[in-house]
Amino acid sequence: ETALPSPVNEARFIRGFVAMAEQQGWHYNLIEAFDQPWKRASE
């Protein structure tokens, strides 16, 4: 639908989320540290 993967959109989301979470004092965990090629087989 409107959800478009891209490096810029990933950066927009992560950077915006971190700013929002830290402003609100939320605890968070980002997914994920490294790209996982094996997941392409199932997803």
ModelCIF file with pLDDT and N, C-alpha, C, O atoms, coordinates in Angstrom:
data_MODEL
#
_entry.id   MODEL 
#
_entity.id                         1 
_entity.type                       polymer 
_entity.pdbx_number_of_molecules   1 
#
_entity_poly.entity_id                      1 
_entity_poly.type                           'polypeptide(L)' 
_entity_poly.nstd_linkage                   no 
_entity_poly.nstd_monomer                   no 
_entity_poly.pdbx_seq_one_letter_code       ETALPSPVNEARFIRGFVAMAEQQGWHYNLIEAFDQPWKRASE 
_entity_poly.pdbx_seq_one_letter_code_can   ETALPSPVNEARFIRGFVAMAEQQGWHYNLIEAFDQPWKRASE 
_entity_poly.pdbx_strand_id                 A 
#
loop_
_entity_poly_seq.entity_id 
_entity_poly_seq.num 
_entity_poly_seq.mon_id 
_entity_poly_seq.hetero 
1 1  GLU n 
1 2  THR n 
1 3  ALA n 
1 4  LEU n 
1 5  PRO n 
1 6  SER n 
1 7  PRO n 
1 8  VAL n 
1 9  ASN n 
1 10 GLU n 
1 11 ALA n 
1 12 ARG n 
1 13 PHE n 
1 14 ILE n 
1 15 ARG n 
1 16 GLY n 
1 17 PHE n 
1 18 VAL n 
1 19 ALA n 
1 20 MET n 
1 21 ALA n 
1 22 GLU n 
1 23 GLN n 
1 24 GLN n 
1 25 GLY n 
1 26 TRP n 
1 27 HIS n 
1 28 TYR n 
1 29 ASN n 
1 30 LEU n 
1 31 ILE n 
1 32 GLU n 
1 33 ALA n 
1 34 PHE n 
1 35 ASP n 
1 36 GLN n 
1 37 PRO n 
1 38 TRP n 
1 39 LYS n 
1 40 ARG n 
1 41 ALA n 
1 42 SER n 
1 43 GLU n 
#
_struct_asym.id          A 
_struct_asym.entity_id   1 
#
loop_
_ma_qa_metric.id 
_ma_qa_metric.mode 
_ma_qa_metric.name 
_ma_qa_metric.software_group_id 
_ma_qa_metric.type 
1 global pLDDT . pLDDT 
2 local  pLDDT . pLDDT 
#
_ma_qa_metric_global.metric_id      1 
_ma_qa_metric_global.metric_value   95.56 
_ma_qa_metric_global.model_id       1 
_ma_qa_metric_global.ordinal_id     1 
#
loop_
_ma_qa_metric_local.label_asym_id 
_ma_qa_metric_local.label_comp_id 
_ma_qa_metric_local.label_seq_id 
_ma_qa_metric_local.metric_id 
_ma_qa_metric_local.metric_value 
_ma_qa_metric_local.model_id 
_ma_qa_metric_local.ordinal_id 
A GLU 1  2 94.00 1 1  
A THR 2  2 95.00 1 2  
A ALA 3  2 96.00 1 3  
A LEU 4  2 96.00 1 4  
A PRO 5  2 97.00 1 5  
A SER 6  2 97.00 1 6  
A PRO 7  2 97.00 1 7  
A VAL 8  2 97.00 1 8  
A ASN 9  2 98.00 1 9  
A GLU 10 2 98.00 1 10 
A ALA 11 2 97.00 1 11 
A ARG 12 2 97.00 1 12 
A PHE 13 2 98.00 1 13 
A ILE 14 2 97.00 1 14 
A ARG 15 2 97.00 1 15 
A GLY 16 2 97.00 1 16 
A PHE 17 2 97.00 1 17 
A VAL 18 2 97.00 1 18 
A ALA 19 2 95.00 1 19 
A MET 20 2 96.00 1 20 
A ALA 21 2 97.00 1 21 
A GLU 22 2 95.00 1 22 
A GLN 23 2 95.00 1 23 
A GLN 24 2 96.00 1 24 
A GLY 25 2 96.00 1 25 
A TRP 26 2 97.00 1 26 
A HIS 27 2 98.00 1 27 
A TYR 28 2 98.00 1 28 
A ASN 29 2 98.00 1 29 
A LEU 30 2 98.00 1 30 
A ILE 31 2 96.00 1 31 
A GLU 32 2 96.00 1 32 
A ALA 33 2 97.00 1 33 
A PHE 34 2 97.00 1 34 
A ASP 35 2 97.00 1 35 
A GLN 36 2 95.00 1 36 
A PRO 37 2 93.00 1 37 
A TRP 38 2 92.00 1 38 
A LYS 39 2 93.00 1 39 
A ARG 40 2 90.00 1 40 
A ALA 41 2 86.00 1 41 
A SER 42 2 86.00 1 42 
A GLU 43 2 90.00 1 43 
#
loop_
_atom_site.group_PDB 
_atom_site.id 
_atom_site.type_symbol 
_atom_site.label_atom_id 
_atom_site.label_alt_id 
_atom_site.label_comp_id 
_atom_site.label_asym_id 
_atom_site.label_entity_id 
_atom_site.label_seq_id 
_atom_site.pdbx_PDB_ins_code 
_atom_site.Cartn_x 
_atom_site.Cartn_y 
_atom_site.Cartn_z 
_atom_site.occupancy 
_atom_site.B_iso_or_equiv 
_atom_site.pdbx_formal_charge 
_atom_site.auth_seq_id 
_atom_site.auth_comp_id 
_atom_site.auth_asym_id 
_atom_site.auth_atom_id 
_atom_site.pdbx_PDB_model_num 
ATOM 1   N N  . GLU A 1 1  ? 0.850  -1.188  0.000  1.00 94.00 ? 1  GLU A N  1 
ATOM 2   C CA . GLU A 1 1  ? 0.000  0.000   0.000  1.00 94.00 ? 1  GLU A CA 1 
ATOM 3   C C  . GLU A 1 1  ? 0.890  1.244   0.000  1.00 94.00 ? 1  GLU A C  1 
ATOM 4   O O  . GLU A 1 1  ? 1.653  1.452   -0.943 1.00 94.00 ? 1  GLU A O  1 
ATOM 5   N N  . THR A 1 2  ? 0.804  2.074   1.045  1.00 95.00 ? 2  THR A N  1 
ATOM 6   C CA . THR A 1 2  ? 1.634  3.287   1.053  1.00 95.00 ? 2  THR A CA 1 
ATOM 7   C C  . THR A 1 2  ? 2.994  3.062   1.700  1.00 95.00 ? 2  THR A C  1 
ATOM 8   O O  . THR A 1 2  ? 3.823  3.972   1.709  1.00 95.00 ? 2  THR A O  1 
ATOM 9   N N  . ALA A 1 3  ? 3.242  1.877   2.241  1.00 96.00 ? 3  ALA A N  1 
ATOM 10  C CA . ALA A 1 3  ? 4.498  1.600   2.952  1.00 96.00 ? 3  ALA A CA 1 
ATOM 11  C C  . ALA A 1 3  ? 5.578  1.214   1.945  1.00 96.00 ? 3  ALA A C  1 
ATOM 12  O O  . ALA A 1 3  ? 5.572  0.105   1.409  1.00 96.00 ? 3  ALA A O  1 
ATOM 13  N N  . LEU A 1 4  ? 6.497  2.132   1.695  1.00 96.00 ? 4  LEU A N  1 
ATOM 14  C CA . LEU A 1 4  ? 7.525  1.943   0.673  1.00 96.00 ? 4  LEU A CA 1 
ATOM 15  C C  . LEU A 1 4  ? 8.897  1.758   1.321  1.00 96.00 ? 4  LEU A C  1 
ATOM 16  O O  . LEU A 1 4  ? 9.402  2.686   1.953  1.00 96.00 ? 4  LEU A O  1 
ATOM 17  N N  . PRO A 1 5  ? 9.509  0.584   1.179  1.00 97.00 ? 5  PRO A N  1 
ATOM 18  C CA . PRO A 1 5  ? 10.868 0.391   1.693  1.00 97.00 ? 5  PRO A CA 1 
ATOM 19  C C  . PRO A 1 5  ? 11.882 1.223   0.887  1.00 97.00 ? 5  PRO A C  1 
ATOM 20  O O  . PRO A 1 5  ? 11.799 1.315   -0.337 1.00 97.00 ? 5  PRO A O  1 
ATOM 21  N N  . SER A 1 6  ? 12.811 1.808   1.590  1.00 97.00 ? 6  SER A N  1 
ATOM 22  C CA . SER A 1 6  ? 13.936 2.495   0.953  1.00 97.00 ? 6  SER A CA 1 
ATOM 23  C C  . SER A 1 6  ? 14.919 2.886   2.046  1.00 97.00 ? 6  SER A C  1 
ATOM 24  O O  . SER A 1 6  ? 14.524 3.024   3.204  1.00 97.00 ? 6  SER A O  1 
ATOM 25  N N  . PRO A 1 7  ? 16.196 3.067   1.702  1.00 97.00 ? 7  PRO A N  1 
ATOM 26  C CA . PRO A 1 7  ? 17.159 3.513   2.711  1.00 97.00 ? 7  PRO A CA 1 
ATOM 27  C C  . PRO A 1 7  ? 16.795 4.846   3.343  1.00 97.00 ? 7  PRO A C  1 
ATOM 28  O O  . PRO A 1 7  ? 16.962 5.030   4.549  1.00 97.00 ? 7  PRO A O  1 
ATOM 29  N N  . VAL A 1 8  ? 16.297 5.783   2.531  1.00 97.00 ? 8  VAL A N  1 
ATOM 30  C CA . VAL A 1 8  ? 15.922 7.087   3.085  1.00 97.00 ? 8  VAL A CA 1 
ATOM 31  C C  . VAL A 1 8  ? 14.746 6.946   4.034  1.00 97.00 ? 8  VAL A C  1 
ATOM 32  O O  . VAL A 1 8  ? 14.735 7.562   5.100  1.00 97.00 ? 8  VAL A O  1 
ATOM 33  N N  . ASN A 1 9  ? 13.754 6.143   3.663  1.00 98.00 ? 9  ASN A N  1 
ATOM 34  C CA . ASN A 1 9  ? 12.606 5.956   4.545  1.00 98.00 ? 9  ASN A CA 1 
ATOM 35  C C  . ASN A 1 9  ? 12.995 5.229   5.830  1.00 98.00 ? 9  ASN A C  1 
ATOM 36  O O  . ASN A 1 9  ? 12.460 5.525   6.899  1.00 98.00 ? 9  ASN A O  1 
ATOM 37  N N  . GLU A 1 10 ? 13.927 4.276   5.727  1.00 98.00 ? 10 GLU A N  1 
ATOM 38  C CA . GLU A 1 10 ? 14.412 3.624   6.943  1.00 98.00 ? 10 GLU A CA 1 
ATOM 39  C C  . GLU A 1 10 ? 15.063 4.640   7.870  1.00 98.00 ? 10 GLU A C  1 
ATOM 40  O O  . GLU A 1 10 ? 14.803 4.650   9.073  1.00 98.00 ? 10 GLU A O  1 
ATOM 41  N N  . ALA A 1 11 ? 15.903 5.487   7.310  1.00 97.00 ? 11 ALA A N  1 
ATOM 42  C CA . ALA A 1 11 ? 16.570 6.507   8.129  1.00 97.00 ? 11 ALA A CA 1 
ATOM 43  C C  . ALA A 1 11 ? 15.556 7.494   8.699  1.00 97.00 ? 11 ALA A C  1 
ATOM 44  O O  . ALA A 1 11 ? 15.650 7.873   9.866  1.00 97.00 ? 11 ALA A O  1 
ATOM 45  N N  . ARG A 1 12 ? 14.582 7.915   7.879  1.00 97.00 ? 12 ARG A N  1 
ATOM 46  C CA . ARG A 1 12 ? 13.546 8.833   8.381  1.00 97.00 ? 12 ARG A CA 1 
ATOM 47  C C  . ARG A 1 12 ? 12.805 8.229   9.563  1.00 97.00 ? 12 ARG A C  1 
ATOM 48  O O  . ARG A 1 12 ? 12.568 8.902   10.567 1.00 97.00 ? 12 ARG A O  1 
ATOM 49  N N  . PHE A 1 13 ? 12.442 6.954   9.439  1.00 98.00 ? 13 PHE A N  1 
ATOM 50  C CA . PHE A 1 13 ? 11.676 6.337   10.516 1.00 98.00 ? 13 PHE A CA 1 
ATOM 51  C C  . PHE A 1 13 ? 12.524 6.175   11.775 1.00 98.00 ? 13 PHE A C  1 
ATOM 52  O O  . PHE A 1 13 ? 12.106 6.575   12.862 1.00 98.00 ? 13 PHE A O  1 
ATOM 53  N N  . ILE A 1 14 ? 13.712 5.592   11.631 1.00 97.00 ? 14 ILE A N  1 
ATOM 54  C CA . ILE A 1 14 ? 14.537 5.320   12.807 1.00 97.00 ? 14 ILE A CA 1 
ATOM 55  C C  . ILE A 1 14 ? 14.918 6.610   13.517 1.00 97.00 ? 14 ILE A C  1 
ATOM 56  O O  . ILE A 1 14 ? 14.810 6.701   14.740 1.00 97.00 ? 14 ILE A O  1 
ATOM 57  N N  . ARG A 1 15 ? 15.360 7.601   12.764 1.00 97.00 ? 15 ARG A N  1 
ATOM 58  C CA . ARG A 1 15 ? 15.784 8.850   13.400 1.00 97.00 ? 15 ARG A CA 1 
ATOM 59  C C  . ARG A 1 15 ? 14.601 9.567   14.051 1.00 97.00 ? 15 ARG A C  1 
ATOM 60  O O  . ARG A 1 15 ? 14.708 10.098  15.156 1.00 97.00 ? 15 ARG A O  1 
ATOM 61  N N  . GLY A 1 16 ? 13.468 9.570   13.340 1.00 97.00 ? 16 GLY A N  1 
ATOM 62  C CA . GLY A 1 16 ? 12.283 10.195  13.923 1.00 97.00 ? 16 GLY A CA 1 
ATOM 63  C C  . GLY A 1 16 ? 11.789 9.459   15.155 1.00 97.00 ? 16 GLY A C  1 
ATOM 64  O O  . GLY A 1 16 ? 11.381 10.081  16.136 1.00 97.00 ? 16 GLY A O  1 
ATOM 65  N N  . PHE A 1 17 ? 11.825 8.125   15.105 1.00 97.00 ? 17 PHE A N  1 
ATOM 66  C CA . PHE A 1 17 ? 11.374 7.335   16.257 1.00 97.00 ? 17 PHE A CA 1 
ATOM 67  C C  . PHE A 1 17 ? 12.267 7.569   17.459 1.00 97.00 ? 17 PHE A C  1 
ATOM 68  O O  . PHE A 1 17 ? 11.769 7.784   18.565 1.00 97.00 ? 17 PHE A O  1 
ATOM 69  N N  . VAL A 1 18 ? 13.577 7.531   17.263 1.00 97.00 ? 18 VAL A N  1 
ATOM 70  C CA . VAL A 1 18 ? 14.501 7.720   18.393 1.00 97.00 ? 18 VAL A CA 1 
ATOM 71  C C  . VAL A 1 18 ? 14.265 9.072   19.043 1.00 97.00 ? 18 VAL A C  1 
ATOM 72  O O  . VAL A 1 18 ? 14.235 9.176   20.270 1.00 97.00 ? 18 VAL A O  1 
ATOM 73  N N  . ALA A 1 19 ? 14.098 10.102  18.237 1.00 95.00 ? 19 ALA A N  1 
ATOM 74  C CA . ALA A 1 19 ? 13.847 11.432  18.794 1.00 95.00 ? 19 ALA A CA 1 
ATOM 75  C C  . ALA A 1 19 ? 12.555 11.446  19.602 1.00 95.00 ? 19 ALA A C  1 
ATOM 76  O O  . ALA A 1 19 ? 12.510 12.013  20.694 1.00 95.00 ? 19 ALA A O  1 
ATOM 77  N N  . MET A 1 20 ? 11.497 10.819  19.066 1.00 96.00 ? 20 MET A N  1 
ATOM 78  C CA . MET A 1 20 ? 10.215 10.787  19.764 1.00 96.00 ? 20 MET A CA 1 
ATOM 79  C C  . MET A 1 20 ? 10.306 9.964   21.045 1.00 96.00 ? 20 MET A C  1 
ATOM 80  O O  . MET A 1 20 ? 9.809  10.385  22.090 1.00 96.00 ? 20 MET A O  1 
ATOM 81  N N  . ALA A 1 21 ? 10.942 8.786   20.969 1.00 97.00 ? 21 ALA A N  1 
ATOM 82  C CA . ALA A 1 21 ? 11.027 7.907   22.135 1.00 97.00 ? 21 ALA A CA 1 
ATOM 83  C C  . ALA A 1 21 ? 11.825 8.543   23.254 1.00 97.00 ? 21 ALA A C  1 
ATOM 84  O O  . ALA A 1 21 ? 11.439 8.453   24.420 1.00 97.00 ? 21 ALA A O  1 
ATOM 85  N N  . GLU A 1 22 ? 12.920 9.178   22.920 1.00 95.00 ? 22 GLU A N  1 
ATOM 86  C CA . GLU A 1 22 ? 13.754 9.776   23.958 1.00 95.00 ? 22 GLU A CA 1 
ATOM 87  C C  . GLU A 1 22 ? 13.090 11.019  24.542 1.00 95.00 ? 22 GLU A C  1 
ATOM 88  O O  . GLU A 1 22 ? 13.270 11.325  25.721 1.00 95.00 ? 22 GLU A O  1 
ATOM 89  N N  . GLN A 1 23 ? 12.330 11.729  23.728 1.00 95.00 ? 23 GLN A N  1 
ATOM 90  C CA . GLN A 1 23 ? 11.592 12.873  24.261 1.00 95.00 ? 23 GLN A CA 1 
ATOM 91  C C  . GLN A 1 23 ? 10.504 12.420  25.229 1.00 95.00 ? 23 GLN A C  1 
ATOM 92  O O  . GLN A 1 23 ? 10.237 13.085  26.230 1.00 95.00 ? 23 GLN A O  1 
ATOM 93  N N  . GLN A 1 24 ? 9.866  11.263  24.919 1.00 96.00 ? 24 GLN A N  1 
ATOM 94  C CA . GLN A 1 24 ? 8.777  10.759  25.745 1.00 96.00 ? 24 GLN A CA 1 
ATOM 95  C C  . GLN A 1 24 ? 9.277  9.884   26.906 1.00 96.00 ? 24 GLN A C  1 
ATOM 96  O O  . GLN A 1 24 ? 8.500  9.527   27.791 1.00 96.00 ? 24 GLN A O  1 
ATOM 97  N N  . GLY A 1 25 ? 10.563 9.544   26.902 1.00 96.00 ? 25 GLY A N  1 
ATOM 98  C CA . GLY A 1 25 ? 11.100 8.685   27.944 1.00 96.00 ? 25 GLY A CA 1 
ATOM 99  C C  . GLY A 1 25 ? 10.716 7.221   27.801 1.00 96.00 ? 25 GLY A C  1 
ATOM 100 O O  . GLY A 1 25 ? 10.628 6.500   28.794 1.00 96.00 ? 25 GLY A O  1 
ATOM 101 N N  . TRP A 1 26 ? 10.488 6.778   26.566 1.00 97.00 ? 26 TRP A N  1 
ATOM 102 C CA . TRP A 1 26 ? 10.103 5.385   26.323 1.00 97.00 ? 26 TRP A CA 1 
ATOM 103 C C  . TRP A 1 26 ? 11.332 4.494   26.258 1.00 97.00 ? 26 TRP A C  1 
ATOM 104 O O  . TRP A 1 26 ? 12.413 4.933   25.865 1.00 97.00 ? 26 TRP A O  1 
ATOM 105 N N  . HIS A 1 27 ? 11.157 3.245   26.646 1.00 98.00 ? 27 HIS A N  1 
ATOM 106 C CA . HIS A 1 27 ? 12.189 2.232   26.451 1.00 98.00 ? 27 HIS A CA 1 
ATOM 107 C C  . HIS A 1 27 ? 11.959 1.559   25.100 1.00 98.00 ? 27 HIS A C  1 
ATOM 108 O O  . HIS A 1 27 ? 10.818 1.311   24.710 1.00 98.00 ? 27 HIS A O  1 
ATOM 109 N N  . TYR A 1 28 ? 13.046 1.267   24.389 1.00 98.00 ? 28 TYR A N  1 
ATOM 110 C CA . TYR A 1 28 ? 12.876 0.751   23.026 1.00 98.00 ? 28 TYR A CA 1 
ATOM 111 C C  . TYR A 1 28 ? 14.036 -0.155  22.633 1.00 98.00 ? 28 TYR A C  1 
ATOM 112 O O  . TYR A 1 28 ? 15.119 -0.123  23.217 1.00 98.00 ? 28 TYR A O  1 
ATOM 113 N N  . ASN A 1 29 ? 13.758 -0.952  21.628 1.00 98.00 ? 29 ASN A N  1 
ATOM 114 C CA . ASN A 1 29 ? 14.747 -1.813  20.984 1.00 98.00 ? 29 ASN A CA 1 
ATOM 115 C C  . ASN A 1 29 ? 14.506 -1.730  19.481 1.00 98.00 ? 29 ASN A C  1 
ATOM 116 O O  . ASN A 1 29 ? 13.389 -1.959  19.016 1.00 98.00 ? 29 ASN A O  1 
ATOM 117 N N  . LEU A 1 30 ? 15.542 -1.404  18.726 1.00 98.00 ? 30 LEU A N  1 
ATOM 118 C CA . LEU A 1 30 ? 15.405 -1.267  17.281 1.00 98.00 ? 30 LEU A CA 1 
ATOM 119 C C  . LEU A 1 30 ? 15.660 -2.603  16.590 1.00 98.00 ? 30 LEU A C  1 
ATOM 120 O O  . LEU A 1 30 ? 16.542 -3.362  16.994 1.00 98.00 ? 30 LEU A O  1 
ATOM 121 N N  . ILE A 1 31 ? 14.888 -2.882  15.554 1.00 96.00 ? 31 ILE A N  1 
ATOM 122 C CA . ILE A 1 31 ? 15.131 -4.060  14.745 1.00 96.00 ? 31 ILE A CA 1 
ATOM 123 C C  . ILE A 1 31 ? 15.649 -3.584  13.392 1.00 96.00 ? 31 ILE A C  1 
ATOM 124 O O  . ILE A 1 31 ? 14.976 -2.803  12.718 1.00 96.00 ? 31 ILE A O  1 
ATOM 125 N N  . GLU A 1 32 ? 16.816 -4.035  12.987 1.00 96.00 ? 32 GLU A N  1 
ATOM 126 C CA . GLU A 1 32 ? 17.703 -4.873  13.761 1.00 96.00 ? 32 GLU A CA 1 
ATOM 127 C C  . GLU A 1 32 ? 19.120 -4.429  13.499 1.00 96.00 ? 32 GLU A C  1 
ATOM 128 O O  . GLU A 1 32 ? 19.337 -3.529  12.688 1.00 96.00 ? 32 GLU A O  1 
ATOM 129 N N  . ALA A 1 33 ? 20.090 -5.028  14.155 1.00 97.00 ? 33 ALA A N  1 
ATOM 130 C CA . ALA A 1 33 ? 21.456 -4.547  14.018 1.00 97.00 ? 33 ALA A CA 1 
ATOM 131 C C  . ALA A 1 33 ? 21.982 -4.708  12.588 1.00 97.00 ? 33 ALA A C  1 
ATOM 132 O O  . ALA A 1 33 ? 22.491 -3.755  11.998 1.00 97.00 ? 33 ALA A O  1 
ATOM 133 N N  . PHE A 1 34 ? 21.854 -5.922  12.034 1.00 97.00 ? 34 PHE A N  1 
ATOM 134 C CA . PHE A 1 34 ? 22.444 -6.225  10.725 1.00 97.00 ? 34 PHE A CA 1 
ATOM 135 C C  . PHE A 1 34 ? 21.409 -6.869  9.807  1.00 97.00 ? 34 PHE A C  1 
ATOM 136 O O  . PHE A 1 34 ? 20.558 -7.638  10.255 1.00 97.00 ? 34 PHE A O  1 
ATOM 137 N N  . ASP A 1 35 ? 21.491 -6.548  8.525  1.00 97.00 ? 35 ASP A N  1 
ATOM 138 C CA . ASP A 1 35 ? 20.651 -7.229  7.542  1.00 97.00 ? 35 ASP A CA 1 
ATOM 139 C C  . ASP A 1 35 ? 20.828 -8.739  7.659  1.00 97.00 ? 35 ASP A C  1 
ATOM 140 O O  . ASP A 1 35 ? 21.930 -9.228  7.903  1.00 97.00 ? 35 ASP A O  1 
ATOM 141 N N  . GLN A 1 36 ? 19.736 -9.465  7.484  1.00 95.00 ? 36 GLN A N  1 
ATOM 142 C CA . GLN A 1 36 ? 19.738 -10.923 7.618  1.00 95.00 ? 36 GLN A CA 1 
ATOM 143 C C  . GLN A 1 36 ? 19.259 -11.567 6.311  1.00 95.00 ? 36 GLN A C  1 
ATOM 144 O O  . GLN A 1 36 ? 18.058 -11.765 6.131  1.00 95.00 ? 36 GLN A O  1 
ATOM 145 N N  . PRO A 1 37 ? 20.185 -11.896 5.397  1.00 93.00 ? 37 PRO A N  1 
ATOM 146 C CA . PRO A 1 37 ? 19.769 -12.452 4.098  1.00 93.00 ? 37 PRO A CA 1 
ATOM 147 C C  . PRO A 1 37 ? 18.908 -13.703 4.211  1.00 93.00 ? 37 PRO A C  1 
ATOM 148 O O  . PRO A 1 37 ? 18.064 -13.935 3.345  1.00 93.00 ? 37 PRO A O  1 
ATOM 149 N N  . TRP A 1 38 ? 19.089 -14.513 5.245  1.00 92.00 ? 38 TRP A N  1 
ATOM 150 C CA . TRP A 1 38 ? 18.323 -15.755 5.355  1.00 92.00 ? 38 TRP A CA 1 
ATOM 151 C C  . TRP A 1 38 ? 16.827 -15.497 5.481  1.00 92.00 ? 38 TRP A C  1 
ATOM 152 O O  . TRP A 1 38 ? 16.028 -16.364 5.128  1.00 92.00 ? 38 TRP A O  1 
ATOM 153 N N  . LYS A 1 39 ? 16.429 -14.333 5.974  1.00 93.00 ? 39 LYS A N  1 
ATOM 154 C CA . LYS A 1 39 ? 15.011 -14.044 6.137  1.00 93.00 ? 39 LYS A CA 1 
ATOM 155 C C  . LYS A 1 39 ? 14.292 -13.850 4.801  1.00 93.00 ? 39 LYS A C  1 
ATOM 156 O O  . LYS A 1 39 ? 13.065 -13.920 4.736  1.00 93.00 ? 39 LYS A O  1 
ATOM 157 N N  . ARG A 1 40 ? 15.054 -13.607 3.747  1.00 90.00 ? 40 ARG A N  1 
ATOM 158 C CA . ARG A 1 40 ? 14.425 -13.398 2.445  1.00 90.00 ? 40 ARG A CA 1 
ATOM 159 C C  . ARG A 1 40 ? 13.724 -14.661 1.948  1.00 90.00 ? 40 ARG A C  1 
ATOM 160 O O  . ARG A 1 40 ? 12.795 -14.581 1.145  1.00 90.00 ? 40 ARG A O  1 
ATOM 161 N N  . ALA A 1 41 ? 14.168 -15.827 2.425  1.00 86.00 ? 41 ALA A N  1 
ATOM 162 C CA . ALA A 1 41 ? 13.545 -17.079 1.990  1.00 86.00 ? 41 ALA A CA 1 
ATOM 163 C C  . ALA A 1 41 ? 12.112 -17.203 2.494  1.00 86.00 ? 41 ALA A C  1 
ATOM 164 O O  . ALA A 1 41 ? 11.278 -17.815 1.826  1.00 86.00 ? 41 ALA A O  1 
ATOM 165 N N  . SER A 1 42 ? 11.811 -16.635 3.659  1.00 86.00 ? 42 SER A N  1 
ATOM 166 C CA . SER A 1 42 ? 10.478 -16.781 4.234  1.00 86.00 ? 42 SER A CA 1 
ATOM 167 C C  . SER A 1 42 ? 9.646  -15.505 4.167  1.00 86.00 ? 42 SER A C  1 
ATOM 168 O O  . SER A 1 42 ? 8.421  -15.566 4.268  1.00 86.00 ? 42 SER A O  1 
ATOM 169 N N  . GLU A 1 43 ? 10.291 -14.344 3.997  1.00 90.00 ? 43 GLU A N  1 
ATOM 170 C CA . GLU A 1 43 ? 9.564  -13.079 4.016  1.00 90.00 ? 43 GLU A CA 1 
ATOM 171 C C  . GLU A 1 43 ? 9.672  -12.306 2.711  1.00 90.00 ? 43 GLU A C  1 
ATOM 172 O O  . GLU A 1 43 ? 9.106  -11.220 2.588  1.00 90.00 ? 43 GLU A O  1 
#
